[in-house]
């Protein structure tokens, strides 16, 4: 391994160790702004299912936990310069315990932009 590659690997390891981990029950991101939200007409739509699964996978990139997406149980949508989605998701932790999470996702189809705005455990 070259010296440069070794230094990059060491720097990545130091960053990973020094960055505080977020647990499964802690909030990530910002909170949503209410206004113009409408219930999602078909919560069983394939696209809504894909968004929920993507939100869980994206959240896992930022935390120190394991969650398995099960399904989207409810949600709202808001038309903006794309679409905001607020999804209530059932997901299981590593032990199989079911939990309910709220994810807010921004998506703009024409630019193929997708962003996880927030993700948090609900009661």
PDB file of N, CA and C in Angstrom:
ATOM      1  N   UNK A   1       0.851  -1.166   0.000  1.00  0.00           N
ATOM      2  CA  UNK A   1       0.000   0.000   0.000  1.00  0.00           C
ATOM      3  C   UNK A   1       0.903   1.237   0.000  1.00  0.00           C
ATOM      4  N   UNK A   2       0.565   2.179  -0.855  1.00  0.00           N
ATOM      5  CA  UNK A   2       1.378   3.382  -0.932  1.00  0.00           C
ATOM      6  C   UNK A   2       1.130   4.278   0.277  1.00  0.00           C
ATOM      7  N   UNK A   3       2.057   5.174   0.526  1.00  0.00           N
ATOM      8  CA  UNK A   3       1.942   6.089   1.662  1.00  0.00           C
ATOM      9  C   UNK A   3       0.689   6.949   1.552  1.00  0.00           C
ATOM     10  N   UNK A   4       0.382   7.431   0.373  1.00  0.00           N
ATOM     11  CA  UNK A   4      -0.787   8.283   0.160  1.00  0.00           C
ATOM     12  C   UNK A   4      -2.081   7.524   0.482  1.00  0.00           C
ATOM     13  N   UNK A   5      -2.199   6.299  -0.014  1.00  0.00           N
ATOM     14  CA  UNK A   5      -3.374   5.477   0.251  1.00  0.00           C
ATOM     15  C   UNK A   5      -3.485   5.191   1.737  1.00  0.00           C
ATOM     16  N   UNK A   6      -2.364   4.876   2.363  1.00  0.00           N
ATOM     17  CA  UNK A   6      -2.353   4.604   3.796  1.00  0.00           C
ATOM     18  C   UNK A   6      -2.853   5.813   4.584  1.00  0.00           C
ATOM     19  N   UNK A   7      -2.402   7.013   4.224  1.00  0.00           N
ATOM     20  CA  UNK A   7      -2.820   8.226   4.922  1.00  0.00           C
ATOM     21  C   UNK A   7      -4.312   8.499   4.751  1.00  0.00           C
ATOM     22  N   UNK A   8      -4.843   8.234   3.569  1.00  0.00           N
ATOM     23  CA  UNK A   8      -6.272   8.416   3.323  1.00  0.00           C
ATOM     24  C   UNK A   8      -7.075   7.451   4.188  1.00  0.00           C
ATOM     25  N   UNK A   9      -6.655   6.200   4.268  1.00  0.00           N
ATOM     26  CA  UNK A   9      -7.334   5.207   5.089  1.00  0.00           C
ATOM     27  C   UNK A   9      -7.286   5.596   6.561  1.00  0.00           C
ATOM     28  N   UNK A  10      -6.144   6.032   7.034  1.00  0.00           N
ATOM     29  CA  UNK A  10      -5.997   6.456   8.436  1.00  0.00           C
ATOM     30  C   UNK A  10      -6.891   7.664   8.719  1.00  0.00           C
ATOM     31  N   UNK A  11      -6.926   8.632   7.805  1.00  0.00           N
ATOM     32  CA  UNK A  11      -7.760   9.819   7.993  1.00  0.00           C
ATOM     33  C   UNK A  11      -9.238   9.440   8.041  1.00  0.00           C
ATOM     34  N   UNK A  12      -9.666   8.530   7.186  1.00  0.00           N
ATOM     35  CA  UNK A  12     -11.064   8.079   7.179  1.00  0.00           C
ATOM     36  C   UNK A  12     -11.416   7.376   8.480  1.00  0.00           C
ATOM     37  N   UNK A  13     -10.495   6.578   8.996  1.00  0.00           N
ATOM     38  CA  UNK A  13     -10.739   5.874  10.262  1.00  0.00           C
ATOM     39  C   UNK A  13     -10.836   6.857  11.418  1.00  0.00           C
ATOM     40  N   UNK A  14      -9.981   7.845  11.448  1.00  0.00           N
ATOM     41  CA  UNK A  14     -10.016   8.853  12.516  1.00  0.00           C
ATOM     42  C   UNK A  14     -11.334   9.620  12.461  1.00  0.00           C
ATOM     43  N   UNK A  15     -11.772   9.996  11.270  1.00  0.00           N
ATOM     44  CA  UNK A  15     -13.039  10.708  11.110  1.00  0.00           C
ATOM     45  C   UNK A  15     -14.200   9.853  11.602  1.00  0.00           C
ATOM     46  N   UNK A  16     -14.210   8.572  11.229  1.00  0.00           N
ATOM     47  CA  UNK A  16     -15.301   7.679  11.629  1.00  0.00           C
ATOM     48  C   UNK A  16     -15.352   7.503  13.144  1.00  0.00           C
ATOM     49  N   UNK A  17     -14.207   7.434  13.779  1.00  0.00           N
ATOM     50  CA  UNK A  17     -14.150   7.253  15.228  1.00  0.00           C
ATOM     51  C   UNK A  17     -14.530   8.552  15.942  1.00  0.00           C
ATOM     52  N   UNK A  18     -14.082   9.691  15.417  1.00  0.00           N
ATOM     53  CA  UNK A  18     -14.292  10.975  16.084  1.00  0.00           C
ATOM     54  C   UNK A  18     -15.700  11.533  15.895  1.00  0.00           C
ATOM     55  N   UNK A  19     -16.398  11.133  14.839  1.00  0.00           N
ATOM     56  CA  UNK A  19     -17.732  11.652  14.570  1.00  0.00           C
ATOM     57  C   UNK A  19     -18.724  11.007  15.525  1.00  0.00           C
ATOM     58  N   UNK A  20     -19.506  11.819  16.257  1.00  0.00           N
ATOM     59  CA  UNK A  20     -20.459  11.241  17.189  1.00  0.00           C
ATOM     60  C   UNK A  20     -21.550  10.468  16.451  1.00  0.00           C
ATOM     61  N   UNK A  21     -21.887   9.308  16.970  1.00  0.00           N
ATOM     62  CA  UNK A  21     -22.908   8.469  16.350  1.00  0.00           C
ATOM     63  C   UNK A  21     -24.281   8.872  16.864  1.00  0.00           C
ATOM     64  N   UNK A  22     -25.268   8.759  15.997  1.00  0.00           N
ATOM     65  CA  UNK A  22     -26.652   9.001  16.371  1.00  0.00           C
ATOM     66  C   UNK A  22     -27.301   7.641  16.537  1.00  0.00           C
ATOM     67  N   UNK A  23     -28.030   7.443  17.612  1.00  0.00           N
ATOM     68  CA  UNK A  23     -28.699   6.173  17.857  1.00  0.00           C
ATOM     69  C   UNK A  23     -30.020   6.085  17.117  1.00  0.00           C
ATOM     70  N   UNK A  24     -30.651   4.917  17.160  1.00  0.00           N
ATOM     71  CA  UNK A  24     -31.896   4.682  16.430  1.00  0.00           C
ATOM     72  C   UNK A  24     -33.057   5.542  16.919  1.00  0.00           C
ATOM     73  N   UNK A  25     -33.062   5.951  18.180  1.00  0.00           N
ATOM     74  CA  UNK A  25     -34.171   6.723  18.704  1.00  0.00           C
ATOM     75  C   UNK A  25     -33.965   8.220  18.655  1.00  0.00           C
ATOM     76  N   UNK A  26     -32.820   8.674  18.177  1.00  0.00           N
ATOM     77  CA  UNK A  26     -32.520  10.096  18.149  1.00  0.00           C
ATOM     78  C   UNK A  26     -32.929  10.711  16.813  1.00  0.00           C
ATOM     79  N   UNK A  27     -33.227  11.994  16.836  1.00  0.00           N
ATOM     80  CA  UNK A  27     -33.645  12.697  15.622  1.00  0.00           C
ATOM     81  C   UNK A  27     -32.443  12.984  14.741  1.00  0.00           C
ATOM     82  N   UNK A  28     -32.695  13.060  13.453  1.00  0.00           N
ATOM     83  CA  UNK A  28     -31.680  13.413  12.470  1.00  0.00           C
ATOM     84  C   UNK A  28     -32.291  14.458  11.554  1.00  0.00           C
ATOM     85  N   UNK A  29     -31.594  15.519  11.284  1.00  0.00           N
ATOM     86  CA  UNK A  29     -32.060  16.526  10.337  1.00  0.00           C
ATOM     87  C   UNK A  29     -32.881  17.604  10.997  1.00  0.00           C
ATOM     88  N   UNK A  30     -33.659  18.303  10.174  1.00  0.00           N
ATOM     89  CA  UNK A  30     -34.464  19.413  10.650  1.00  0.00           C
ATOM     90  C   UNK A  30     -35.924  19.020  10.720  1.00  0.00           C
ATOM     91  N   UNK A  31     -36.730  19.857  11.312  1.00  0.00           N
ATOM     92  CA  UNK A  31     -38.158  19.575  11.393  1.00  0.00           C
ATOM     93  C   UNK A  31     -38.872  20.158  10.188  1.00  0.00           C
ATOM     94  N   UNK A  32     -40.056  19.655   9.922  1.00  0.00           N
ATOM     95  CA  UNK A  32     -40.794  20.098   8.745  1.00  0.00           C
ATOM     96  C   UNK A  32     -41.521  21.415   8.996  1.00  0.00           C
ATOM     97  N   UNK A  33     -41.847  22.094   7.927  1.00  0.00           N
ATOM     98  CA  UNK A  33     -42.638  23.309   7.984  1.00  0.00           C
ATOM     99  C   UNK A  33     -44.034  22.950   7.503  1.00  0.00           C
ATOM    100  N   UNK A  34     -45.016  23.172   8.360  1.00  0.00           N
ATOM    101  CA  UNK A  34     -46.398  22.834   8.014  1.00  0.00           C
ATOM    102  C   UNK A  34     -46.964  23.823   7.007  1.00  0.00           C
ATOM    103  N   UNK A  35     -47.893  23.375   6.199  1.00  0.00           N
ATOM    104  CA  UNK A  35     -48.575  24.248   5.250  1.00  0.00           C
ATOM    105  C   UNK A  35     -48.762  23.569   3.914  1.00  0.00           C
ATOM    106  N   UNK A  36     -50.000  23.394   3.507  1.00  0.00           N
ATOM    107  CA  UNK A  36     -50.277  22.811   2.216  1.00  0.00           C
ATOM    108  C   UNK A  36     -50.115  21.304   2.150  1.00  0.00           C
ATOM    109  N   UNK A  37     -50.051  20.646   3.290  1.00  0.00           N
ATOM    110  CA  UNK A  37     -49.895  19.188   3.306  1.00  0.00           C
ATOM    111  C   UNK A  37     -51.243  18.530   3.031  1.00  0.00           C
ATOM    112  N   UNK A  38     -51.211  17.469   2.231  1.00  0.00           N
ATOM    113  CA  UNK A  38     -52.398  16.680   1.902  1.00  0.00           C
ATOM    114  C   UNK A  38     -52.090  15.210   2.177  1.00  0.00           C
ATOM    115  N   UNK A  39     -53.088  14.424   2.586  1.00  0.00           N
ATOM    116  CA  UNK A  39     -52.852  12.982   2.772  1.00  0.00           C
ATOM    117  C   UNK A  39     -52.431  12.336   1.451  1.00  0.00           C
ATOM    118  N   UNK A  40     -51.545  11.373   1.525  1.00  0.00           N
ATOM    119  CA  UNK A  40     -51.145  10.632   0.320  1.00  0.00           C
ATOM    120  C   UNK A  40     -52.338   9.770  -0.096  1.00  0.00           C
ATOM    121  N   UNK A  41     -52.821   9.927  -1.340  1.00  0.00           N
ATOM    122  CA  UNK A  41     -54.032   9.219  -1.764  1.00  0.00           C
ATOM    123  C   UNK A  41     -53.928   7.690  -1.701  1.00  0.00           C
ATOM    124  N   UNK A  42     -52.769   7.143  -2.102  1.00  0.00           N
ATOM    125  CA  UNK A  42     -52.602   5.686  -2.116  1.00  0.00           C
ATOM    126  C   UNK A  42     -51.304   5.330  -1.406  1.00  0.00           C
ATOM    127  N   UNK A  43     -51.404   5.047  -0.125  1.00  0.00           N
ATOM    128  CA  UNK A  43     -50.222   4.744   0.687  1.00  0.00           C
ATOM    129  C   UNK A  43     -49.541   3.455   0.224  1.00  0.00           C
ATOM    130  N   UNK A  44     -50.234   2.617  -0.516  1.00  0.00           N
ATOM    131  CA  UNK A  44     -49.664   1.361  -1.014  1.00  0.00           C
ATOM    132  C   UNK A  44     -49.010   1.506  -2.387  1.00  0.00           C
ATOM    133  N   UNK A  45     -48.967   2.728  -2.924  1.00  0.00           N
ATOM    134  CA  UNK A  45     -48.336   2.977  -4.209  1.00  0.00           C
ATOM    135  C   UNK A  45     -46.867   2.538  -4.171  1.00  0.00           C
ATOM    136  N   UNK A  46     -46.394   1.948  -5.226  1.00  0.00           N
ATOM    137  CA  UNK A  46     -45.016   1.444  -5.309  1.00  0.00           C
ATOM    138  C   UNK A  46     -43.989   2.548  -5.063  1.00  0.00           C
ATOM    139  N   UNK A  47     -44.244   3.733  -5.589  1.00  0.00           N
ATOM    140  CA  UNK A  47     -43.301   4.850  -5.418  1.00  0.00           C
ATOM    141  C   UNK A  47     -43.200   5.253  -3.941  1.00  0.00           C
ATOM    142  N   UNK A  48     -44.305   5.261  -3.230  1.00  0.00           N
ATOM    143  CA  UNK A  48     -44.313   5.595  -1.801  1.00  0.00           C
ATOM    144  C   UNK A  48     -43.534   4.537  -1.030  1.00  0.00           C
ATOM    145  N   UNK A  49     -43.724   3.281  -1.380  1.00  0.00           N
ATOM    146  CA  UNK A  49     -42.986   2.175  -0.757  1.00  0.00           C
ATOM    147  C   UNK A  49     -41.479   2.365  -0.984  1.00  0.00           C
ATOM    148  N   UNK A  50     -41.092   2.693  -2.222  1.00  0.00           N
ATOM    149  CA  UNK A  50     -39.675   2.910  -2.546  1.00  0.00           C
ATOM    150  C   UNK A  50     -39.101   4.094  -1.763  1.00  0.00           C
ATOM    151  N   UNK A  51     -39.876   5.172  -1.627  1.00  0.00           N
ATOM    152  CA  UNK A  51     -39.417   6.330  -0.857  1.00  0.00           C
ATOM    153  C   UNK A  51     -39.189   5.972   0.610  1.00  0.00           C
ATOM    154  N   UNK A  52     -40.099   5.200   1.187  1.00  0.00           N
ATOM    155  CA  UNK A  52     -39.946   4.783   2.581  1.00  0.00           C
ATOM    156  C   UNK A  52     -38.715   3.926   2.783  1.00  0.00           C
ATOM    157  N   UNK A  53     -38.517   2.979   1.893  1.00  0.00           N
ATOM    158  CA  UNK A  53     -37.342   2.110   1.976  1.00  0.00           C
ATOM    159  C   UNK A  53     -36.060   2.929   1.799  1.00  0.00           C
ATOM    160  N   UNK A  54     -36.060   3.838   0.836  1.00  0.00           N
ATOM    161  CA  UNK A  54     -34.895   4.700   0.604  1.00  0.00           C
ATOM    162  C   UNK A  54     -34.604   5.549   1.833  1.00  0.00           C
ATOM    163  N   UNK A  55     -35.653   6.095   2.472  1.00  0.00           N
ATOM    164  CA  UNK A  55     -35.466   6.945   3.655  1.00  0.00           C
ATOM    165  C   UNK A  55     -34.773   6.180   4.779  1.00  0.00           C
ATOM    166  N   UNK A  56     -35.173   4.935   5.007  1.00  0.00           N
ATOM    167  CA  UNK A  56     -34.526   4.117   6.047  1.00  0.00           C
ATOM    168  C   UNK A  56     -33.061   3.876   5.682  1.00  0.00           C
ATOM    169  N   UNK A  57     -32.798   3.503   4.453  1.00  0.00           N
ATOM    170  CA  UNK A  57     -31.410   3.248   4.028  1.00  0.00           C
ATOM    171  C   UNK A  57     -30.559   4.507   4.119  1.00  0.00           C
ATOM    172  N   UNK A  58     -31.121   5.647   3.758  1.00  0.00           N
ATOM    173  CA  UNK A  58     -30.383   6.907   3.826  1.00  0.00           C
ATOM    174  C   UNK A  58     -30.100   7.272   5.289  1.00  0.00           C
ATOM    175  N   UNK A  59     -31.068   7.072   6.165  1.00  0.00           N
ATOM    176  CA  UNK A  59     -30.896   7.341   7.595  1.00  0.00           C
ATOM    177  C   UNK A  59     -29.758   6.491   8.167  1.00  0.00           C
ATOM    178  N   UNK A  60     -29.688   5.237   7.737  1.00  0.00           N
ATOM    179  CA  UNK A  60     -28.668   4.318   8.259  1.00  0.00           C
ATOM    180  C   UNK A  60     -27.248   4.748   7.891  1.00  0.00           C
ATOM    181  N   UNK A  61     -27.105   5.578   6.868  1.00  0.00           N
ATOM    182  CA  UNK A  61     -25.784   6.088   6.496  1.00  0.00           C
ATOM    183  C   UNK A  61     -25.251   7.070   7.539  1.00  0.00           C
ATOM    184  N   UNK A  62     -26.136   7.602   8.391  1.00  0.00           N
ATOM    185  CA  UNK A  62     -25.774   8.661   9.326  1.00  0.00           C
ATOM    186  C   UNK A  62     -25.831   8.248  10.792  1.00  0.00           C
ATOM    187  N   UNK A  63     -26.175   6.998  11.060  1.00  0.00           N
ATOM    188  CA  UNK A  63     -26.369   6.576  12.445  1.00  0.00           C
ATOM    189  C   UNK A  63     -25.627   5.290  12.757  1.00  0.00           C
ATOM    190  N   UNK A  64     -25.606   4.962  14.032  1.00  0.00           N
ATOM    191  CA  UNK A  64     -24.956   3.749  14.499  1.00  0.00           C
ATOM    192  C   UNK A  64     -26.035   2.775  14.980  1.00  0.00           C
ATOM    193  N   UNK A  65     -26.813   2.256  14.062  1.00  0.00           N
ATOM    194  CA  UNK A  65     -27.858   1.299  14.407  1.00  0.00           C
ATOM    195  C   UNK A  65     -28.241   0.492  13.170  1.00  0.00           C
ATOM    196  N   UNK A  66     -29.113  -0.469  13.378  1.00  0.00           N
ATOM    197  CA  UNK A  66     -29.609  -1.300  12.281  1.00  0.00           C
ATOM    198  C   UNK A  66     -31.122  -1.213  12.280  1.00  0.00           C
ATOM    199  N   UNK A  67     -31.698  -0.884  11.144  1.00  0.00           N
ATOM    200  CA  UNK A  67     -33.147  -0.885  10.962  1.00  0.00           C
ATOM    201  C   UNK A  67     -33.473  -1.594   9.664  1.00  0.00           C
ATOM    202  N   UNK A  68     -34.583  -2.320   9.682  1.00  0.00           N
ATOM    203  CA  UNK A  68     -35.069  -2.986   8.474  1.00  0.00           C
ATOM    204  C   UNK A  68     -36.433  -2.400   8.137  1.00  0.00           C
ATOM    205  N   UNK A  69     -36.551  -1.834   6.950  1.00  0.00           N
ATOM    206  CA  UNK A  69     -37.812  -1.262   6.486  1.00  0.00           C
ATOM    207  C   UNK A  69     -38.871  -2.358   6.391  1.00  0.00           C
ATOM    208  N   UNK A  70     -40.068  -2.081   6.913  1.00  0.00           N
ATOM    209  CA  UNK A  70     -41.197  -3.003   6.777  1.00  0.00           C
ATOM    210  C   UNK A  70     -42.250  -2.444   5.835  1.00  0.00           C
ATOM    211  N   UNK A  71     -42.780  -1.240   6.163  1.00  0.00           N
ATOM    212  CA  UNK A  71     -43.790  -0.642   5.292  1.00  0.00           C
ATOM    213  C   UNK A  71     -44.035   0.807   5.684  1.00  0.00           C
ATOM    214  N   UNK A  72     -44.642   1.552   4.763  1.00  0.00           N
ATOM    215  CA  UNK A  72     -45.121   2.901   5.042  1.00  0.00           C
ATOM    216  C   UNK A  72     -46.569   2.737   5.500  1.00  0.00           C
ATOM    217  N   UNK A  73     -46.889   3.262   6.684  1.00  0.00           N
ATOM    218  CA  UNK A  73     -48.243   3.080   7.217  1.00  0.00           C
ATOM    219  C   UNK A  73     -49.154   4.282   6.984  1.00  0.00           C
ATOM    220  N   UNK A  74     -48.565   5.468   6.832  1.00  0.00           N
ATOM    221  CA  UNK A  74     -49.359   6.654   6.516  1.00  0.00           C
ATOM    222  C   UNK A  74     -48.421   7.743   6.013  1.00  0.00           C
ATOM    223  N   UNK A  75     -49.004   8.821   5.528  1.00  0.00           N
ATOM    224  CA  UNK A  75     -48.153   9.901   5.072  1.00  0.00           C
ATOM    225  C   UNK A  75     -48.922  11.064   4.501  1.00  0.00           C
ATOM    226  N   UNK A  76     -48.176  12.163   4.325  1.00  0.00           N
ATOM    227  CA  UNK A  76     -48.713  13.385   3.718  1.00  0.00           C
ATOM    228  C   UNK A  76     -47.738  13.823   2.631  1.00  0.00           C
ATOM    229  N   UNK A  77     -48.248  14.635   1.710  1.00  0.00           N
ATOM    230  CA  UNK A  77     -47.402  15.171   0.662  1.00  0.00           C
ATOM    231  C   UNK A  77     -47.700  16.649   0.482  1.00  0.00           C
ATOM    232  N   UNK A  78     -46.684  17.369   0.007  1.00  0.00           N
ATOM    233  CA  UNK A  78     -46.793  18.817  -0.189  1.00  0.00           C
ATOM    234  C   UNK A  78     -46.094  19.167  -1.488  1.00  0.00           C
ATOM    235  N   UNK A  79     -46.813  19.841  -2.370  1.00  0.00           N
ATOM    236  CA  UNK A  79     -46.221  20.284  -3.634  1.00  0.00           C
ATOM    237  C   UNK A  79     -45.401  21.538  -3.365  1.00  0.00           C
ATOM    238  N   UNK A  80     -44.128  21.496  -3.750  1.00  0.00           N
ATOM    239  CA  UNK A  80     -43.218  22.636  -3.671  1.00  0.00           C
ATOM    240  C   UNK A  80     -42.543  22.726  -5.029  1.00  0.00           C
ATOM    241  N   UNK A  81     -41.278  23.060  -5.111  1.00  0.00           N
ATOM    242  CA  UNK A  81     -40.588  23.044  -6.407  1.00  0.00           C
ATOM    243  C   UNK A  81     -40.296  21.609  -6.826  1.00  0.00           C
ATOM    244  N   UNK A  82     -40.771  20.711  -6.065  1.00  0.00           N
ATOM    245  CA  UNK A  82     -40.739  19.270  -6.283  1.00  0.00           C
ATOM    246  C   UNK A  82     -41.863  18.737  -5.422  1.00  0.00           C
ATOM    247  N   UNK A  83     -41.559  17.774  -4.566  1.00  0.00           N
ATOM    248  CA  UNK A  83     -42.573  17.237  -3.663  1.00  0.00           C
ATOM    249  C   UNK A  83     -41.933  16.919  -2.327  1.00  0.00           C
ATOM    250  N   UNK A  84     -42.578  17.361  -1.254  1.00  0.00           N
ATOM    251  CA  UNK A  84     -42.199  16.960   0.092  1.00  0.00           C
ATOM    252  C   UNK A  84     -43.111  15.818   0.508  1.00  0.00           C
ATOM    253  N   UNK A  85     -42.531  14.825   1.139  1.00  0.00           N
ATOM    254  CA  UNK A  85     -43.297  13.706   1.686  1.00  0.00           C
ATOM    255  C   UNK A  85     -42.991  13.586   3.166  1.00  0.00           C
ATOM    256  N   UNK A  86     -44.021  13.408   3.960  1.00  0.00           N
ATOM    257  CA  UNK A  86     -43.853  13.079   5.371  1.00  0.00           C
ATOM    258  C   UNK A  86     -44.435  11.676   5.536  1.00  0.00           C
ATOM    259  N   UNK A  87     -43.560  10.723   5.781  1.00  0.00           N
ATOM    260  CA  UNK A  87     -43.953   9.323   5.824  1.00  0.00           C
ATOM    261  C   UNK A  87     -43.846   8.772   7.235  1.00  0.00           C
ATOM    262  N   UNK A  88     -44.843   7.993   7.637  1.00  0.00           N
ATOM    263  CA  UNK A  88     -44.763   7.244   8.887  1.00  0.00           C
ATOM    264  C   UNK A  88     -44.437   5.810   8.490  1.00  0.00           C
ATOM    265  N   UNK A  89     -43.307   5.331   9.014  1.00  0.00           N
ATOM    266  CA  UNK A  89     -42.720   4.063   8.563  1.00  0.00           C
ATOM    267  C   UNK A  89     -42.624   3.081   9.718  1.00  0.00           C
ATOM    268  N   UNK A  90     -43.000   1.837   9.467  1.00  0.00           N
ATOM    269  CA  UNK A  90     -42.725   0.749  10.404  1.00  0.00           C
ATOM    270  C   UNK A  90     -41.404   0.120  10.003  1.00  0.00           C
ATOM    271  N   UNK A  91     -40.501  -0.021  10.975  1.00  0.00           N
ATOM    272  CA  UNK A  91     -39.206  -0.643  10.738  1.00  0.00           C
ATOM    273  C   UNK A  91     -38.824  -1.460  11.966  1.00  0.00           C
ATOM    274  N   UNK A  92     -38.036  -2.499  11.765  1.00  0.00           N
ATOM    275  CA  UNK A  92     -37.591  -3.374  12.849  1.00  0.00           C
ATOM    276  C   UNK A  92     -36.119  -3.130  13.132  1.00  0.00           C
ATOM    277  N   UNK A  93     -35.760  -3.181  14.429  1.00  0.00           N
ATOM    278  CA  UNK A  93     -34.347  -3.040  14.790  1.00  0.00           C
ATOM    279  C   UNK A  93     -33.652  -4.397  14.684  1.00  0.00           C
ATOM    280  N   UNK A  94     -32.391  -4.453  15.089  1.00  0.00           N
ATOM    281  CA  UNK A  94     -31.586  -5.673  14.941  1.00  0.00           C
ATOM    282  C   UNK A  94     -32.182  -6.855  15.701  1.00  0.00           C
ATOM    283  N   UNK A  95     -32.887  -6.589  16.804  1.00  0.00           N
ATOM    284  CA  UNK A  95     -33.484  -7.669  17.591  1.00  0.00           C
ATOM    285  C   UNK A  95     -34.864  -8.069  17.075  1.00  0.00           C
ATOM    286  N   UNK A  96     -35.356  -7.359  16.058  1.00  0.00           N
ATOM    287  CA  UNK A  96     -36.661  -7.657  15.493  1.00  0.00           C
ATOM    288  C   UNK A  96     -37.785  -6.834  16.099  1.00  0.00           C
ATOM    289  N   UNK A  97     -37.457  -5.959  17.053  1.00  0.00           N
ATOM    290  CA  UNK A  97     -38.469  -5.124  17.704  1.00  0.00           C
ATOM    291  C   UNK A  97     -38.965  -4.073  16.718  1.00  0.00           C
ATOM    292  N   UNK A  98     -40.292  -4.008  16.575  1.00  0.00           N
ATOM    293  CA  UNK A  98     -40.913  -3.085  15.642  1.00  0.00           C
ATOM    294  C   UNK A  98     -40.960  -1.683  16.230  1.00  0.00           C
ATOM    295  N   UNK A  99     -40.633  -0.698  15.417  1.00  0.00           N
ATOM    296  CA  UNK A  99     -40.713   0.700  15.821  1.00  0.00           C
ATOM    297  C   UNK A  99     -41.353   1.511  14.731  1.00  0.00           C
ATOM    298  N   UNK A 100     -41.856   2.673  15.110  1.00  0.00           N
ATOM    299  CA  UNK A 100     -42.482   3.572  14.147  1.00  0.00           C
ATOM    300  C   UNK A 100     -41.628   4.839  14.037  1.00  0.00           C
ATOM    301  N   UNK A 101     -41.381   5.256  12.800  1.00  0.00           N
ATOM    302  CA  UNK A 101     -40.494   6.376  12.519  1.00  0.00           C
ATOM    303  C   UNK A 101     -41.183   7.346  11.567  1.00  0.00           C
ATOM    304  N   UNK A 102     -40.837   8.626  11.693  1.00  0.00           N
ATOM    305  CA  UNK A 102     -41.346   9.645  10.780  1.00  0.00           C
ATOM    306  C   UNK A 102     -40.175  10.145   9.937  1.00  0.00           C
ATOM    307  N   UNK A 103     -40.342  10.098   8.634  1.00  0.00           N
ATOM    308  CA  UNK A 103     -39.315  10.565   7.712  1.00  0.00           C
ATOM    309  C   UNK A 103     -39.899  11.660   6.835  1.00  0.00           C
ATOM    310  N   UNK A 104     -39.122  12.719   6.638  1.00  0.00           N
ATOM    311  CA  UNK A 104     -39.508  13.732   5.670  1.00  0.00           C
ATOM    312  C   UNK A 104     -38.505  13.688   4.533  1.00  0.00           C
ATOM    313  N   UNK A 105     -39.035  13.514   3.344  1.00  0.00           N
ATOM    314  CA  UNK A 105     -38.210  13.369   2.146  1.00  0.00           C
ATOM    315  C   UNK A 105     -38.611  14.443   1.135  1.00  0.00           C
ATOM    316  N   UNK A 106     -37.606  15.082   0.547  1.00  0.00           N
ATOM    317  CA  UNK A 106     -37.837  16.018  -0.555  1.00  0.00           C
ATOM    318  C   UNK A 106     -37.413  15.310  -1.832  1.00  0.00           C
ATOM    319  N   UNK A 107     -38.252  15.422  -2.864  1.00  0.00           N
ATOM    320  CA  UNK A 107     -37.926  14.799  -4.149  1.00  0.00           C
ATOM    321  C   UNK A 107     -38.309  15.738  -5.286  1.00  0.00           C
ATOM    322  N   UNK A 108     -37.424  15.831  -6.256  1.00  0.00           N
ATOM    323  CA  UNK A 108     -37.705  16.592  -7.466  1.00  0.00           C
ATOM    324  C   UNK A 108     -37.406  15.672  -8.644  1.00  0.00           C
ATOM    325  N   UNK A 109     -38.461  15.216  -9.305  1.00  0.00           N
ATOM    326  CA  UNK A 109     -38.330  14.211 -10.359  1.00  0.00           C
ATOM    327  C   UNK A 109     -37.516  14.714 -11.555  1.00  0.00           C
ATOM    328  N   UNK A 110     -37.735  15.957 -11.970  1.00  0.00           N
ATOM    329  CA  UNK A 110     -37.065  16.438 -13.189  1.00  0.00           C
ATOM    330  C   UNK A 110     -35.549  16.525 -13.047  1.00  0.00           C
ATOM    331  N   UNK A 111     -35.054  16.771 -11.817  1.00  0.00           N
ATOM    332  CA  UNK A 111     -33.602  16.820 -11.604  1.00  0.00           C
ATOM    333  C   UNK A 111     -33.079  15.546 -10.948  1.00  0.00           C
ATOM    334  N   UNK A 112     -33.992  14.617 -10.714  1.00  0.00           N
ATOM    335  CA  UNK A 112     -33.650  13.350 -10.046  1.00  0.00           C
ATOM    336  C   UNK A 112     -32.987  13.612  -8.694  1.00  0.00           C
ATOM    337  N   UNK A 113     -33.513  14.621  -7.975  1.00  0.00           N
ATOM    338  CA  UNK A 113     -33.011  14.978  -6.656  1.00  0.00           C
ATOM    339  C   UNK A 113     -33.861  14.303  -5.598  1.00  0.00           C
ATOM    340  N   UNK A 114     -33.206  13.771  -4.596  1.00  0.00           N
ATOM    341  CA  UNK A 114     -33.901  13.175  -3.453  1.00  0.00           C
ATOM    342  C   UNK A 114     -33.073  13.474  -2.222  1.00  0.00           C
ATOM    343  N   UNK A 115     -33.722  13.986  -1.161  1.00  0.00           N
ATOM    344  CA  UNK A 115     -33.010  14.349   0.054  1.00  0.00           C
ATOM    345  C   UNK A 115     -33.815  13.932   1.283  1.00  0.00           C
ATOM    346  N   UNK A 116     -33.129  13.311   2.239  1.00  0.00           N
ATOM    347  CA  UNK A 116     -33.745  13.000   3.521  1.00  0.00           C
ATOM    348  C   UNK A 116     -33.640  14.258   4.377  1.00  0.00           C
ATOM    349  N   UNK A 117     -34.759  14.903   4.640  1.00  0.00           N
ATOM    350  CA  UNK A 117     -34.789  16.150   5.390  1.00  0.00           C
ATOM    351  C   UNK A 117     -34.745  15.865   6.887  1.00  0.00           C
ATOM    352  N   UNK A 118     -35.508  14.869   7.336  1.00  0.00           N
ATOM    353  CA  UNK A 118     -35.492  14.501   8.757  1.00  0.00           C
ATOM    354  C   UNK A 118     -35.938  13.057   8.910  1.00  0.00           C
ATOM    355  N   UNK A 119     -35.568  12.485  10.037  1.00  0.00           N
ATOM    356  CA  UNK A 119     -35.934  11.093  10.362  1.00  0.00           C
ATOM    357  C   UNK A 119     -35.910  10.972  11.870  1.00  0.00           C
ATOM    358  N   UNK A 120     -37.012  10.550  12.477  1.00  0.00           N
ATOM    359  CA  UNK A 120     -37.039  10.423  13.936  1.00  0.00           C
ATOM    360  C   UNK A 120     -38.025   9.352  14.357  1.00  0.00           C
ATOM    361  N   UNK A 121     -37.792   8.817  15.534  1.00  0.00           N
ATOM    362  CA  UNK A 121     -38.682   7.814  16.106  1.00  0.00           C
ATOM    363  C   UNK A 121     -39.936   8.523  16.618  1.00  0.00           C
ATOM    364  N   UNK A 122     -41.097   7.917  16.407  1.00  0.00           N
ATOM    365  CA  UNK A 122     -42.351   8.470  16.908  1.00  0.00           C
ATOM    366  C   UNK A 122     -42.858   7.604  18.042  1.00  0.00           C
ATOM    367  N   UNK A 123     -43.834   8.105  18.751  1.00  0.00           N
ATOM    368  CA  UNK A 123     -44.416   7.343  19.879  1.00  0.00           C
ATOM    369  C   UNK A 123     -45.386   6.313  19.423  1.00  0.00           C
TER     370      UNK A 123
END
